[in-house]
Amino acid sequence: MCITDNLNIVMERIMSNKLKYIFTMFLILLISCFSCKENSSDKVSAKNGDESVRWEKISEGLKNAELQKKPVLMFFYTEWCIYCKKMNSEVFSDPEISRYMNENFISMRINPEKDSETIELMGQKIPPAKLMSYTGSNGFPTTLFLTDKKKPLTTIPGFVEKGTFLSILKYLKEECYENKVSLDDYIKNPDLCRAKKISSLPQ
């Protein structure tokens, strides 16, 4: 088995443990989630709405994540992708979302078709396109979340409307999956996650 196969297995195991309590997000996203394939011929006019989000370069961002102890958000996009532009114009341009991202995440905007900087993960340097393939996603946009220690948390495929996206950000930042709270339950009752954290503390 080659080293890349080993990495793929490691990522799958790490992500599967986290996804046990995150998987319900995909049921929520089915209605609002769309992704672009490379043969898409549709066109849409969208403003570049990501100016207020602090996007960092890959190597610098990964260092800052560890120093600042912040989780990582990697947004994979292409220039021809319709729903990538919708994420920029409708989600990342939202003041509440951009503020929350800047305060709580280290964010990176990566174009696998153009960006050549490798991503150092689990002791290996991986090209962006290869990393995206490890997540199992084959469409754009794709949003990959890592811990501050560069361990994969989960992958969100396609376009996500801003209300749901903000809930996902808060759910991951508060590490509700560690307390076995699903995203669906968190959206219904955000206090459930905090209550479980308190109850798990030693008396």
Protein backbone atom coordinates (compact mmCIF):
# COMPACT_ATOMS: atom_id res chain seq x y z
CA MET A 1 0.00 0.00 0.00
CA CYS A 2 1.49 3.36 -1.00
CA ILE A 3 1.80 6.34 1.36
CA THR A 4 -1.06 8.22 -0.30
CA ASP A 5 -3.33 5.23 0.27
CA ASN A 6 -2.41 5.31 3.94
CA LEU A 7 -3.24 9.01 4.14
CA ASN A 8 -6.58 8.41 2.46
CA ILE A 9 -7.46 5.72 5.01
CA VAL A 10 -6.37 7.92 7.93
CA MET A 11 -8.51 10.82 6.70
CA GLU A 12 -11.50 8.53 6.23
CA ARG A 13 -11.17 7.17 9.79
CA ILE A 14 -10.79 10.62 11.35
CA MET A 15 -13.66 12.08 9.40
CA SER A 16 -15.93 9.08 9.99
CA ASN A 17 -15.63 9.49 13.77
CA LYS A 18 -16.61 13.16 13.57
CA LEU A 19 -19.27 12.57 10.95
CA LYS A 20 -21.16 10.24 13.26
CA TYR A 21 -22.70 13.34 14.84
CA ILE A 22 -22.43 15.68 11.85
CA PHE A 23 -24.00 13.54 9.10
CA THR A 24 -27.49 14.95 9.62
CA MET A 25 -26.33 18.24 8.12
CA PHE A 26 -26.44 16.59 4.71
CA LEU A 27 -30.15 15.91 5.11
CA ILE A 28 -30.65 19.61 5.83
CA LEU A 29 -28.45 20.64 2.93
CA LEU A 30 -30.18 18.51 0.30
CA ILE A 31 -32.71 21.25 -0.40
CA SER A 32 -30.24 24.14 -0.48
CA CYS A 33 -27.04 22.45 -1.64
CA PHE A 34 -25.88 22.61 -5.26
CA SER A 35 -22.51 22.01 -6.85
CA CYS A 36 -20.93 22.71 -10.22
CA LYS A 37 -19.49 20.11 -12.52
CA GLU A 38 -16.79 20.98 -15.01
CA ASN A 39 -19.09 20.64 -18.01
CA SER A 40 -21.54 23.26 -16.72
CA SER A 41 -22.43 25.81 -19.43
CA ASP A 42 -24.73 28.02 -17.32
CA LYS A 43 -23.74 31.60 -16.66
CA VAL A 44 -24.60 33.87 -13.80
CA SER A 45 -23.64 37.40 -12.86
CA ALA A 46 -22.37 37.61 -9.29
CA LYS A 47 -20.41 40.23 -7.43
CA ASN A 48 -17.20 39.33 -5.68
CA GLY A 49 -18.60 39.36 -2.17
CA ASP A 50 -15.63 37.91 -0.31
CA GLU A 51 -13.79 41.20 0.35
CA SER A 52 -14.81 41.35 3.99
CA VAL A 53 -13.64 37.80 4.71
CA ARG A 54 -9.98 37.61 5.69
CA TRP A 55 -8.66 34.96 3.29
CA GLU A 56 -5.13 33.74 4.08
CA LYS A 57 -2.49 31.95 2.03
CA ILE A 58 -2.26 28.21 2.68
CA SER A 59 1.08 27.94 4.52
CA GLU A 60 0.57 31.16 6.49
CA GLY A 61 -2.99 30.20 7.37
CA LEU A 62 -2.07 26.77 8.70
CA LYS A 63 0.62 28.31 10.91
CA ASN A 64 -1.80 30.94 12.20
CA ALA A 65 -4.42 28.29 12.95
CA GLU A 66 -2.01 26.51 15.28
CA LEU A 67 -0.72 29.73 16.87
CA GLN A 68 -4.18 31.21 17.36
CA LYS A 69 -5.81 27.84 18.15
CA LYS A 70 -8.53 28.36 15.56
CA PRO A 71 -10.14 25.76 13.27
CA VAL A 72 -9.50 25.99 9.54
CA LEU A 73 -12.01 26.62 6.77
CA MET A 74 -10.82 25.76 3.24
CA PHE A 75 -13.12 26.94 0.45
CA PHE A 76 -12.38 25.13 -2.83
CA TYR A 77 -13.67 26.96 -5.90
CA THR A 78 -13.11 27.57 -9.60
CA GLU A 79 -13.61 30.67 -11.72
CA TRP A 80 -16.29 29.00 -13.88
CA CYS A 81 -18.37 27.66 -10.99
CA ILE A 82 -21.82 29.25 -10.65
CA TYR A 83 -22.43 28.26 -7.05
CA CYS A 84 -18.95 29.34 -5.97
CA LYS A 85 -19.96 32.84 -7.09
CA LYS A 86 -23.23 32.49 -5.22
CA MET A 87 -21.32 31.60 -2.06
CA ASN A 88 -19.27 34.77 -2.53
CA SER A 89 -22.17 37.06 -3.28
CA GLU A 90 -24.81 35.63 -0.92
CA VAL A 91 -22.95 33.97 1.95
CA PHE A 92 -19.43 35.32 2.44
CA SER A 93 -20.66 38.86 1.82
CA ASP A 94 -23.06 38.63 4.76
CA PRO A 95 -21.65 40.83 7.58
CA GLU A 96 -22.57 38.40 10.36
CA ILE A 97 -20.98 35.44 8.59
CA SER A 98 -17.80 37.28 7.56
CA ARG A 99 -17.39 38.64 11.08
CA TYR A 100 -17.89 35.20 12.64
CA MET A 101 -15.41 33.64 10.22
CA ASN A 102 -12.77 36.29 10.90
CA GLU A 103 -13.16 35.99 14.67
CA ASN A 104 -13.31 32.20 14.95
CA PHE A 105 -11.74 30.56 11.87
CA ILE A 106 -8.65 30.77 9.72
CA SER A 107 -10.12 30.89 6.21
CA MET A 108 -8.46 29.97 2.92
CA ARG A 109 -9.81 30.34 -0.59
CA ILE A 110 -8.26 27.72 -2.88
CA ASN A 111 -8.58 27.23 -6.63
CA PRO A 112 -7.30 23.68 -7.32
CA GLU A 113 -7.02 24.48 -11.04
CA LYS A 114 -4.55 27.32 -10.45
CA ASP A 115 -3.10 27.20 -6.94
CA SER A 116 0.15 25.27 -6.88
CA GLU A 117 1.05 25.73 -3.21
CA THR A 118 0.96 22.37 -1.47
CA ILE A 119 -0.94 21.78 1.77
CA GLU A 120 1.07 20.18 4.57
CA LEU A 121 -1.23 17.75 6.32
CA MET A 122 -0.42 14.71 8.47
CA GLY A 123 3.27 14.99 7.62
CA GLN A 124 2.72 15.12 3.87
CA LYS A 125 2.65 17.91 1.31
CA ILE A 126 -0.48 17.51 -0.78
CA PRO A 127 -1.57 19.47 -3.88
CA PRO A 128 -4.99 21.14 -3.43
CA ALA A 129 -6.67 18.98 -6.10
CA LYS A 130 -5.38 15.79 -4.45
CA LEU A 131 -6.57 16.89 -1.02
CA MET A 132 -10.02 17.60 -2.41
CA SER A 133 -10.13 14.12 -3.96
CA TYR A 134 -9.30 12.58 -0.55
CA THR A 135 -12.47 14.14 0.88
CA GLY A 136 -14.57 12.30 -1.71
CA SER A 137 -15.91 15.51 -3.22
CA ASN A 138 -15.89 15.89 -7.00
CA GLY A 139 -17.80 19.15 -7.45
CA PHE A 140 -17.45 22.82 -6.65
CA PRO A 141 -17.70 24.54 -4.32
CA THR A 142 -16.45 22.30 -1.54
CA THR A 143 -15.75 23.52 1.99
CA LEU A 144 -13.33 21.50 4.09
CA PHE A 145 -13.02 22.05 7.84
CA LEU A 146 -9.90 21.14 9.86
CA THR A 147 -9.07 21.45 13.53
CA ASP A 148 -6.34 23.86 14.62
CA LYS A 149 -4.06 20.79 14.64
CA LYS A 150 -4.82 20.21 10.94
CA LYS A 151 -6.98 17.14 11.49
CA PRO A 152 -9.99 16.81 9.14
CA LEU A 153 -13.41 17.48 10.68
CA THR A 154 -15.88 17.33 7.81
CA THR A 155 -16.54 18.36 4.23
CA ILE A 156 -19.54 20.37 3.06
CA PRO A 157 -20.28 19.97 -0.67
CA GLY A 158 -21.95 22.62 -2.81
CA PHE A 159 -23.78 25.86 -2.11
CA VAL A 160 -25.24 26.36 1.37
CA GLU A 161 -27.66 29.18 2.16
CA LYS A 162 -26.33 31.65 4.72
CA GLY A 163 -28.59 30.73 7.65
CA THR A 164 -27.57 27.07 7.52
CA PHE A 165 -23.92 27.97 6.87
CA LEU A 166 -23.77 30.15 9.96
CA SER A 167 -25.26 27.33 12.05
CA ILE A 168 -22.59 24.96 10.71
CA LEU A 169 -19.84 27.44 11.61
CA LYS A 170 -21.13 27.80 15.17
CA TYR A 171 -21.69 24.05 15.56
CA LEU A 172 -18.11 23.25 14.53
CA LYS A 173 -16.55 26.13 16.48
CA GLU A 174 -18.34 25.03 19.67
CA GLU A 175 -17.24 21.42 19.01
CA CYS A 176 -20.75 20.13 19.61
CA TYR A 177 -19.89 16.84 17.89
CA GLU A 178 -17.56 16.08 20.82
CA ASN A 179 -20.63 16.12 23.08
CA LYS A 180 -22.59 13.86 20.70
CA VAL A 181 -24.97 16.61 19.63
CA SER A 182 -26.11 16.40 16.01
CA LEU A 183 -26.29 19.46 13.79
CA ASP A 184 -30.03 18.99 13.45
CA ASP A 185 -30.49 19.07 17.25
CA TYR A 186 -28.14 22.04 17.53
CA ILE A 187 -30.15 24.07 15.01
CA LYS A 188 -33.34 23.32 16.94
CA ASN A 189 -31.76 24.14 20.30
CA PRO A 190 -28.26 25.73 20.37
CA ASP A 191 -28.26 25.67 24.18
CA LEU A 192 -28.24 21.85 24.11
CA CYS A 193 -24.56 21.80 23.20
CA ARG A 194 -23.59 24.19 26.02
CA ALA A 195 -25.74 22.26 28.51
CA LYS A 196 -24.00 18.98 27.62
CA LYS A 197 -20.59 20.62 27.98
CA ILE A 198 -21.46 21.83 31.46
CA SER A 199 -22.88 18.46 32.52
CA SER A 200 -19.70 16.70 31.39
CA LEU A 201 -17.48 18.86 33.61
CA PRO A 202 -16.17 17.19 36.79
CA GLN A 203 -18.22 18.06 39.84
